[in-house]
Amino acid sequence: MTLVPYSDKTFSCYQSASAQETRFGIGQQIQASIILSSFVEKLETVKRSCMLISIMESYILLGLKTSISCKLMVV
């Protein structure tokens, strides 16, 4: 098995490795990349959810303040 990008330091360690070692090493890198990307995706989802909750809370609080001030004006 020949890999062209041996000049890249990520793959240079596989130059003298067997096909099985190369396949295993690349598989490990792919697996780590998938795990990292899914973690970041979930983190972004949580971040968006927290922002949405914060916006909704401020909207609700604003609505409560408005309704209280309107009731005070009527009295």
PDB file of N, CA and C in Angstrom:
ATOM      1  N   MET A   1       0.850  -1.170   0.000  1.00  0.00           N
ATOM      2  CA  MET A   1       0.000   0.000   0.000  1.00  0.00           C
ATOM      3  C   MET A   1       0.893   1.229   0.000  1.00  0.00           C
ATOM      4  N   THR A   2       0.599   2.157  -0.882  1.00  0.00           N
ATOM      5  CA  THR A   2       1.395   3.381  -0.928  1.00  0.00           C
ATOM      6  C   THR A   2       0.499   4.582  -0.667  1.00  0.00           C
ATOM      7  N   LEU A   3       0.963   5.419   0.217  1.00  0.00           N
ATOM      8  CA  LEU A   3       0.272   6.674   0.504  1.00  0.00           C
ATOM      9  C   LEU A   3       1.099   7.808  -0.065  1.00  0.00           C
ATOM     10  N   VAL A   4       0.460   8.651  -0.813  1.00  0.00           N
ATOM     11  CA  VAL A   4       1.160   9.776  -1.432  1.00  0.00           C
ATOM     12  C   VAL A   4       1.555  10.834  -0.407  1.00  0.00           C
ATOM     13  N   PRO A   5       0.704  11.169   0.559  1.00  0.00           N
ATOM     14  CA  PRO A   5       1.030  12.308   1.416  1.00  0.00           C
ATOM     15  C   PRO A   5       2.003  11.998   2.555  1.00  0.00           C
ATOM     16  N   TYR A   6       3.080  11.267   2.261  1.00  0.00           N
ATOM     17  CA  TYR A   6       4.068  11.015   3.311  1.00  0.00           C
ATOM     18  C   TYR A   6       4.772  12.293   3.726  1.00  0.00           C
ATOM     19  N   SER A   7       4.739  13.303   2.891  1.00  0.00           N
ATOM     20  CA  SER A   7       5.376  14.558   3.251  1.00  0.00           C
ATOM     21  C   SER A   7       4.616  15.254   4.372  1.00  0.00           C
ATOM     22  N   ASP A   8       3.336  14.964   4.496  1.00  0.00           N
ATOM     23  CA  ASP A   8       2.536  15.505   5.590  1.00  0.00           C
ATOM     24  C   ASP A   8       2.936  14.785   6.872  1.00  0.00           C
ATOM     25  N   LYS A   9       3.169  15.539   7.948  1.00  0.00           N
ATOM     26  CA  LYS A   9       3.644  14.910   9.180  1.00  0.00           C
ATOM     27  C   LYS A   9       2.604  13.991   9.802  1.00  0.00           C
ATOM     28  N   THR A  10       1.330  14.170   9.451  1.00  0.00           N
ATOM     29  CA  THR A  10       0.285  13.295   9.979  1.00  0.00           C
ATOM     30  C   THR A  10       0.452  11.868   9.468  1.00  0.00           C
ATOM     31  N   PHE A  11       0.851  11.723   8.207  1.00  0.00           N
ATOM     32  CA  PHE A  11       0.951  10.407   7.581  1.00  0.00           C
ATOM     33  C   PHE A  11       2.382   9.902   7.439  1.00  0.00           C
ATOM     34  N   SER A  12       3.355  10.706   7.774  1.00  0.00           N
ATOM     35  CA  SER A  12       4.746  10.300   7.559  1.00  0.00           C
ATOM     36  C   SER A  12       5.139   9.092   8.414  1.00  0.00           C
ATOM     37  N   CYS A  13       4.469   8.904   9.545  1.00  0.00           N
ATOM     38  CA  CYS A  13       4.799   7.762  10.401  1.00  0.00           C
ATOM     39  C   CYS A  13       4.359   6.434   9.781  1.00  0.00           C
ATOM     40  N   TYR A  14       3.508   6.470   8.777  1.00  0.00           N
ATOM     41  CA  TYR A  14       3.018   5.238   8.138  1.00  0.00           C
ATOM     42  C   TYR A  14       3.870   4.801   6.955  1.00  0.00           C
ATOM     43  N   GLN A  15       4.923   5.519   6.651  1.00  0.00           N
ATOM     44  CA  GLN A  15       5.737   5.208   5.481  1.00  0.00           C
ATOM     45  C   GLN A  15       6.341   3.807   5.557  1.00  0.00           C
ATOM     46  N   SER A  16       6.794   3.419   6.722  1.00  0.00           N
ATOM     47  CA  SER A  16       7.417   2.095   6.846  1.00  0.00           C
ATOM     48  C   SER A  16       6.503   1.092   7.542  1.00  0.00           C
ATOM     49  N   ALA A  17       5.264   1.474   7.792  1.00  0.00           N
ATOM     50  CA  ALA A  17       4.327   0.589   8.505  1.00  0.00           C
ATOM     51  C   ALA A  17       3.672  -0.387   7.533  1.00  0.00           C
ATOM     52  N   SER A  18       3.158  -1.459   8.103  1.00  0.00           N
ATOM     53  CA  SER A  18       2.445  -2.440   7.278  1.00  0.00           C
ATOM     54  C   SER A  18       1.060  -1.885   6.920  1.00  0.00           C
ATOM     55  N   ALA A  19       0.397  -2.548   6.004  1.00  0.00           N
ATOM     56  CA  ALA A  19      -0.930  -2.109   5.573  1.00  0.00           C
ATOM     57  C   ALA A  19      -1.919  -2.143   6.736  1.00  0.00           C
ATOM     58  N   GLN A  20      -1.810  -3.160   7.582  1.00  0.00           N
ATOM     59  CA  GLN A  20      -2.714  -3.284   8.728  1.00  0.00           C
ATOM     60  C   GLN A  20      -2.496  -2.150   9.732  1.00  0.00           C
ATOM     61  N   GLU A  21      -1.228  -1.838   9.995  1.00  0.00           N
ATOM     62  CA  GLU A  21      -0.916  -0.740  10.915  1.00  0.00           C
ATOM     63  C   GLU A  21      -1.386   0.596  10.353  1.00  0.00           C
ATOM     64  N   THR A  22      -1.198   0.774   9.063  1.00  0.00           N
ATOM     65  CA  THR A  22      -1.636   2.012   8.417  1.00  0.00           C
ATOM     66  C   THR A  22      -3.152   2.131   8.483  1.00  0.00           C
ATOM     67  N   ARG A  23      -3.850   1.076   8.146  1.00  0.00           N
ATOM     68  CA  ARG A  23      -5.311   1.080   8.182  1.00  0.00           C
ATOM     69  C   ARG A  23      -5.818   1.334   9.603  1.00  0.00           C
ATOM     70  N   PHE A  24      -5.206   0.693  10.590  1.00  0.00           N
ATOM     71  CA  PHE A  24      -5.609   0.882  11.980  1.00  0.00           C
ATOM     72  C   PHE A  24      -5.369   2.324  12.425  1.00  0.00           C
ATOM     73  N   GLY A  25      -4.211   2.859  12.110  1.00  0.00           N
ATOM     74  CA  GLY A  25      -3.871   4.232  12.511  1.00  0.00           C
ATOM     75  C   GLY A  25      -4.796   5.261  11.887  1.00  0.00           C
ATOM     76  N   ILE A  26      -5.054   5.109  10.599  1.00  0.00           N
ATOM     77  CA  ILE A  26      -5.962   6.039   9.919  1.00  0.00           C
ATOM     78  C   ILE A  26      -7.380   5.881  10.457  1.00  0.00           C
ATOM     79  N   GLY A  27      -7.775   4.650  10.742  1.00  0.00           N
ATOM     80  CA  GLY A  27      -9.095   4.411  11.331  1.00  0.00           C
ATOM     81  C   GLY A  27      -9.243   5.082  12.686  1.00  0.00           C
ATOM     82  N   GLN A  28      -8.185   5.039  13.486  1.00  0.00           N
ATOM     83  CA  GLN A  28      -8.206   5.701  14.795  1.00  0.00           C
ATOM     84  C   GLN A  28      -8.350   7.211  14.636  1.00  0.00           C
ATOM     85  N   GLN A  29      -7.647   7.785  13.652  1.00  0.00           N
ATOM     86  CA  GLN A  29      -7.744   9.227  13.412  1.00  0.00           C
ATOM     87  C   GLN A  29      -9.148   9.615  12.953  1.00  0.00           C
ATOM     88  N   ILE A  30      -9.735   8.803  12.086  1.00  0.00           N
ATOM     89  CA  ILE A  30     -11.096   9.072  11.612  1.00  0.00           C
ATOM     90  C   ILE A  30     -12.075   8.979  12.778  1.00  0.00           C
ATOM     91  N   GLN A  31     -11.926   7.959  13.598  1.00  0.00           N
ATOM     92  CA  GLN A  31     -12.811   7.774  14.746  1.00  0.00           C
ATOM     93  C   GLN A  31     -12.706   8.964  15.703  1.00  0.00           C
ATOM     94  N   ALA A  32     -11.499   9.427  15.983  1.00  0.00           N
ATOM     95  CA  ALA A  32     -11.310  10.580  16.866  1.00  0.00           C
ATOM     96  C   ALA A  32     -11.941  11.831  16.264  1.00  0.00           C
ATOM     97  N   SER A  33     -11.810  11.979  14.964  1.00  0.00           N
ATOM     98  CA  SER A  33     -12.396  13.137  14.292  1.00  0.00           C
ATOM     99  C   SER A  33     -13.920  13.115  14.358  1.00  0.00           C
ATOM    100  N   ILE A  34     -14.512  11.942  14.175  1.00  0.00           N
ATOM    101  CA  ILE A  34     -15.975  11.802  14.247  1.00  0.00           C
ATOM    102  C   ILE A  34     -16.464  12.104  15.657  1.00  0.00           C
ATOM    103  N   ILE A  35     -15.779  11.575  16.654  1.00  0.00           N
ATOM    104  CA  ILE A  35     -16.176  11.812  18.043  1.00  0.00           C
ATOM    105  C   ILE A  35     -16.075  13.292  18.376  1.00  0.00           C
ATOM    106  N   LEU A  36     -14.996  13.918  17.960  1.00  0.00           N
ATOM    107  CA  LEU A  36     -14.818  15.346  18.228  1.00  0.00           C
ATOM    108  C   LEU A  36     -15.885  16.179  17.537  1.00  0.00           C
ATOM    109  N   SER A  37     -16.187  15.873  16.287  1.00  0.00           N
ATOM    110  CA  SER A  37     -17.184  16.661  15.563  1.00  0.00           C
ATOM    111  C   SER A  37     -18.581  16.472  16.148  1.00  0.00           C
ATOM    112  N   SER A  38     -18.911  15.247  16.589  1.00  0.00           N
ATOM    113  CA  SER A  38     -20.231  15.039  17.197  1.00  0.00           C
ATOM    114  C   SER A  38     -20.313  15.728  18.551  1.00  0.00           C
ATOM    115  N   PHE A  39     -19.213  15.759  19.297  1.00  0.00           N
ATOM    116  CA  PHE A  39     -19.185  16.477  20.572  1.00  0.00           C
ATOM    117  C   PHE A  39     -19.394  17.973  20.352  1.00  0.00           C
ATOM    118  N   VAL A  40     -18.703  18.530  19.374  1.00  0.00           N
ATOM    119  CA  VAL A  40     -18.847  19.956  19.074  1.00  0.00           C
ATOM    120  C   VAL A  40     -20.265  20.266  18.610  1.00  0.00           C
ATOM    121  N   GLU A  41     -20.844  19.375  17.807  1.00  0.00           N
ATOM    122  CA  GLU A  41     -22.211  19.568  17.331  1.00  0.00           C
ATOM    123  C   GLU A  41     -23.193  19.586  18.506  1.00  0.00           C
ATOM    124  N   LYS A  42     -23.020  18.655  19.446  1.00  0.00           N
ATOM    125  CA  LYS A  42     -23.895  18.621  20.618  1.00  0.00           C
ATOM    126  C   LYS A  42     -23.685  19.849  21.488  1.00  0.00           C
ATOM    127  N   LEU A  43     -22.446  20.299  21.596  1.00  0.00           N
ATOM    128  CA  LEU A  43     -22.142  21.491  22.369  1.00  0.00           C
ATOM    129  C   LEU A  43     -22.812  22.714  21.757  1.00  0.00           C
ATOM    130  N   GLU A  44     -22.769  22.819  20.438  1.00  0.00           N
ATOM    131  CA  GLU A  44     -23.433  23.925  19.749  1.00  0.00           C
ATOM    132  C   GLU A  44     -24.941  23.871  19.963  1.00  0.00           C
ATOM    133  N   THR A  45     -25.518  22.671  19.971  1.00  0.00           N
ATOM    134  CA  THR A  45     -26.954  22.520  20.200  1.00  0.00           C
ATOM    135  C   THR A  45     -27.320  22.995  21.601  1.00  0.00           C
ATOM    136  N   VAL A  46     -26.519  22.615  22.584  1.00  0.00           N
ATOM    137  CA  VAL A  46     -26.758  23.054  23.963  1.00  0.00           C
ATOM    138  C   VAL A  46     -26.617  24.567  24.059  1.00  0.00           C
ATOM    139  N   LYS A  47     -25.613  25.105  23.387  1.00  0.00           N
ATOM    140  CA  LYS A  47     -25.388  26.547  23.401  1.00  0.00           C
ATOM    141  C   LYS A  47     -26.582  27.281  22.809  1.00  0.00           C
ATOM    142  N   ARG A  48     -27.082  26.792  21.671  1.00  0.00           N
ATOM    143  CA  ARG A  48     -28.253  27.416  21.051  1.00  0.00           C
ATOM    144  C   ARG A  48     -29.471  27.307  21.957  1.00  0.00           C
ATOM    145  N   SER A  49     -29.630  26.158  22.609  1.00  0.00           N
ATOM    146  CA  SER A  49     -30.765  25.960  23.510  1.00  0.00           C
ATOM    147  C   SER A  49     -30.701  26.936  24.683  1.00  0.00           C
ATOM    148  N   CYS A  50     -29.518  27.121  25.239  1.00  0.00           N
ATOM    149  CA  CYS A  50     -29.358  28.067  26.346  1.00  0.00           C
ATOM    150  C   CYS A  50     -29.663  29.486  25.902  1.00  0.00           C
ATOM    151  N   MET A  51     -29.238  29.844  24.698  1.00  0.00           N
ATOM    152  CA  MET A  51     -29.536  31.180  24.179  1.00  0.00           C
ATOM    153  C   MET A  51     -31.039  31.351  23.982  1.00  0.00           C
ATOM    154  N   LEU A  52     -31.703  30.336  23.465  1.00  0.00           N
ATOM    155  CA  LEU A  52     -33.145  30.390  23.245  1.00  0.00           C
ATOM    156  C   LEU A  52     -33.886  30.516  24.575  1.00  0.00           C
ATOM    157  N   ILE A  53     -33.465  29.760  25.563  1.00  0.00           N
ATOM    158  CA  ILE A  53     -34.084  29.845  26.890  1.00  0.00           C
ATOM    159  C   ILE A  53     -33.890  31.235  27.469  1.00  0.00           C
ATOM    160  N   SER A  54     -32.702  31.784  27.317  1.00  0.00           N
ATOM    161  CA  SER A  54     -32.422  33.124  27.822  1.00  0.00           C
ATOM    162  C   SER A  54     -33.296  34.171  27.140  1.00  0.00           C
ATOM    163  N   ILE A  55     -33.453  34.057  25.845  1.00  0.00           N
ATOM    164  CA  ILE A  55     -34.304  34.992  25.102  1.00  0.00           C
ATOM    165  C   ILE A  55     -35.742  34.872  25.546  1.00  0.00           C
ATOM    166  N   MET A  56     -36.212  33.640  25.706  1.00  0.00           N
ATOM    167  CA  MET A  56     -37.594  33.428  26.136  1.00  0.00           C
ATOM    168  C   MET A  56     -37.821  33.958  27.552  1.00  0.00           C
ATOM    169  N   GLU A  57     -36.855  33.741  28.441  1.00  0.00           N
ATOM    170  CA  GLU A  57     -36.978  34.247  29.806  1.00  0.00           C
ATOM    171  C   GLU A  57     -37.063  35.767  29.817  1.00  0.00           C
ATOM    172  N   SER A  58     -36.193  36.411  29.043  1.00  0.00           N
ATOM    173  CA  SER A  58     -36.224  37.876  29.017  1.00  0.00           C
ATOM    174  C   SER A  58     -37.518  38.382  28.395  1.00  0.00           C
ATOM    175  N   TYR A  59     -38.039  37.690  27.387  1.00  0.00           N
ATOM    176  CA  TYR A  59     -39.313  38.072  26.773  1.00  0.00           C
ATOM    177  C   TYR A  59     -40.458  37.933  27.770  1.00  0.00           C
ATOM    178  N   ILE A  60     -40.446  36.837  28.518  1.00  0.00           N
ATOM    179  CA  ILE A  60     -41.492  36.612  29.521  1.00  0.00           C
ATOM    180  C   ILE A  60     -41.400  37.666  30.612  1.00  0.00           C
ATOM    181  N   LEU A  61     -40.178  37.918  31.085  1.00  0.00           N
ATOM    182  CA  LEU A  61     -40.010  38.932  32.126  1.00  0.00           C
ATOM    183  C   LEU A  61     -40.422  40.308  31.635  1.00  0.00           C
ATOM    184  N   LEU A  62     -40.121  40.617  30.397  1.00  0.00           N
ATOM    185  CA  LEU A  62     -40.526  41.895  29.811  1.00  0.00           C
ATOM    186  C   LEU A  62     -42.038  41.979  29.751  1.00  0.00           C
ATOM    187  N   GLY A  63     -42.685  40.881  29.378  1.00  0.00           N
ATOM    188  CA  GLY A  63     -44.143  40.839  29.334  1.00  0.00           C
ATOM    189  C   GLY A  63     -44.749  41.023  30.711  1.00  0.00           C
ATOM    190  N   LEU A  64     -44.146  40.427  31.733  1.00  0.00           N
ATOM    191  CA  LEU A  64     -44.638  40.585  33.099  1.00  0.00           C
ATOM    192  C   LEU A  64     -44.471  42.019  33.571  1.00  0.00           C
ATOM    193  N   LYS A  65     -43.337  42.630  33.277  1.00  0.00           N
ATOM    194  CA  LYS A  65     -43.097  44.018  33.682  1.00  0.00           C
ATOM    195  C   LYS A  65     -44.092  44.940  33.003  1.00  0.00           C
ATOM    196  N   THR A  66     -44.368  44.685  31.726  1.00  0.00           N
ATOM    197  CA  THR A  66     -45.306  45.517  30.978  1.00  0.00           C
ATOM    198  C   THR A  66     -46.712  45.376  31.544  1.00  0.00           C
ATOM    199  N   SER A  67     -47.116  44.152  31.842  1.00  0.00           N
ATOM    200  CA  SER A  67     -48.464  43.958  32.363  1.00  0.00           C
ATOM    201  C   SER A  67     -48.615  44.563  33.760  1.00  0.00           C
ATOM    202  N   ILE A  68     -47.549  44.500  34.577  1.00  0.00           N
ATOM    203  CA  ILE A  68     -47.609  45.089  35.909  1.00  0.00           C
ATOM    204  C   ILE A  68     -47.679  46.606  35.818  1.00  0.00           C
ATOM    205  N   SER A  69     -46.905  47.205  34.929  1.00  0.00           N
ATOM    206  CA  SER A  69     -46.918  48.662  34.791  1.00  0.00           C
ATOM    207  C   SER A  69     -48.258  49.127  34.211  1.00  0.00           C
ATOM    208  N   CYS A  70     -48.887  48.337  33.339  1.00  0.00           N
ATOM    209  CA  CYS A  70     -50.185  48.687  32.806  1.00  0.00           C
ATOM    210  C   CYS A  70     -51.249  48.636  33.901  1.00  0.00           C
ATOM    211  N   LYS A  71     -51.158  47.642  34.780  1.00  0.00           N
ATOM    212  CA  LYS A  71     -52.112  47.525  35.884  1.00  0.00           C
ATOM    213  C   LYS A  71     -51.946  48.693  36.844  1.00  0.00           C
ATOM    214  N   LEU A  72     -50.707  49.134  37.062  1.00  0.00           N
ATOM    215  CA  LEU A  72     -50.472  50.259  37.954  1.00  0.00           C
ATOM    216  C   LEU A  72     -51.032  51.545  37.378  1.00  0.00           C
ATOM    217  N   MET A  73     -50.978  51.697  36.057  1.00  0.00           N
ATOM    218  CA  MET A  73     -51.507  52.896  35.404  1.00  0.00           C
ATOM    219  C   MET A  73     -53.033  52.928  35.509  1.00  0.00           C
ATOM    220  N   VAL A  74     -53.663  51.779  35.437  1.00  0.00           N
ATOM    221  CA  VAL A  74     -55.121  51.697  35.490  1.00  0.00           C
ATOM    222  C   VAL A  74     -55.604  52.045  36.897  1.00  0.00           C
ATOM    223  N   VAL A  75     -54.885  51.669  37.916  1.00  0.00           N
ATOM    224  CA  VAL A  75     -55.303  51.903  39.302  1.00  0.00           C
ATOM    225  C   VAL A  75     -55.111  53.315  39.624  1.00  0.00           C
TER     226      VAL A  75
END
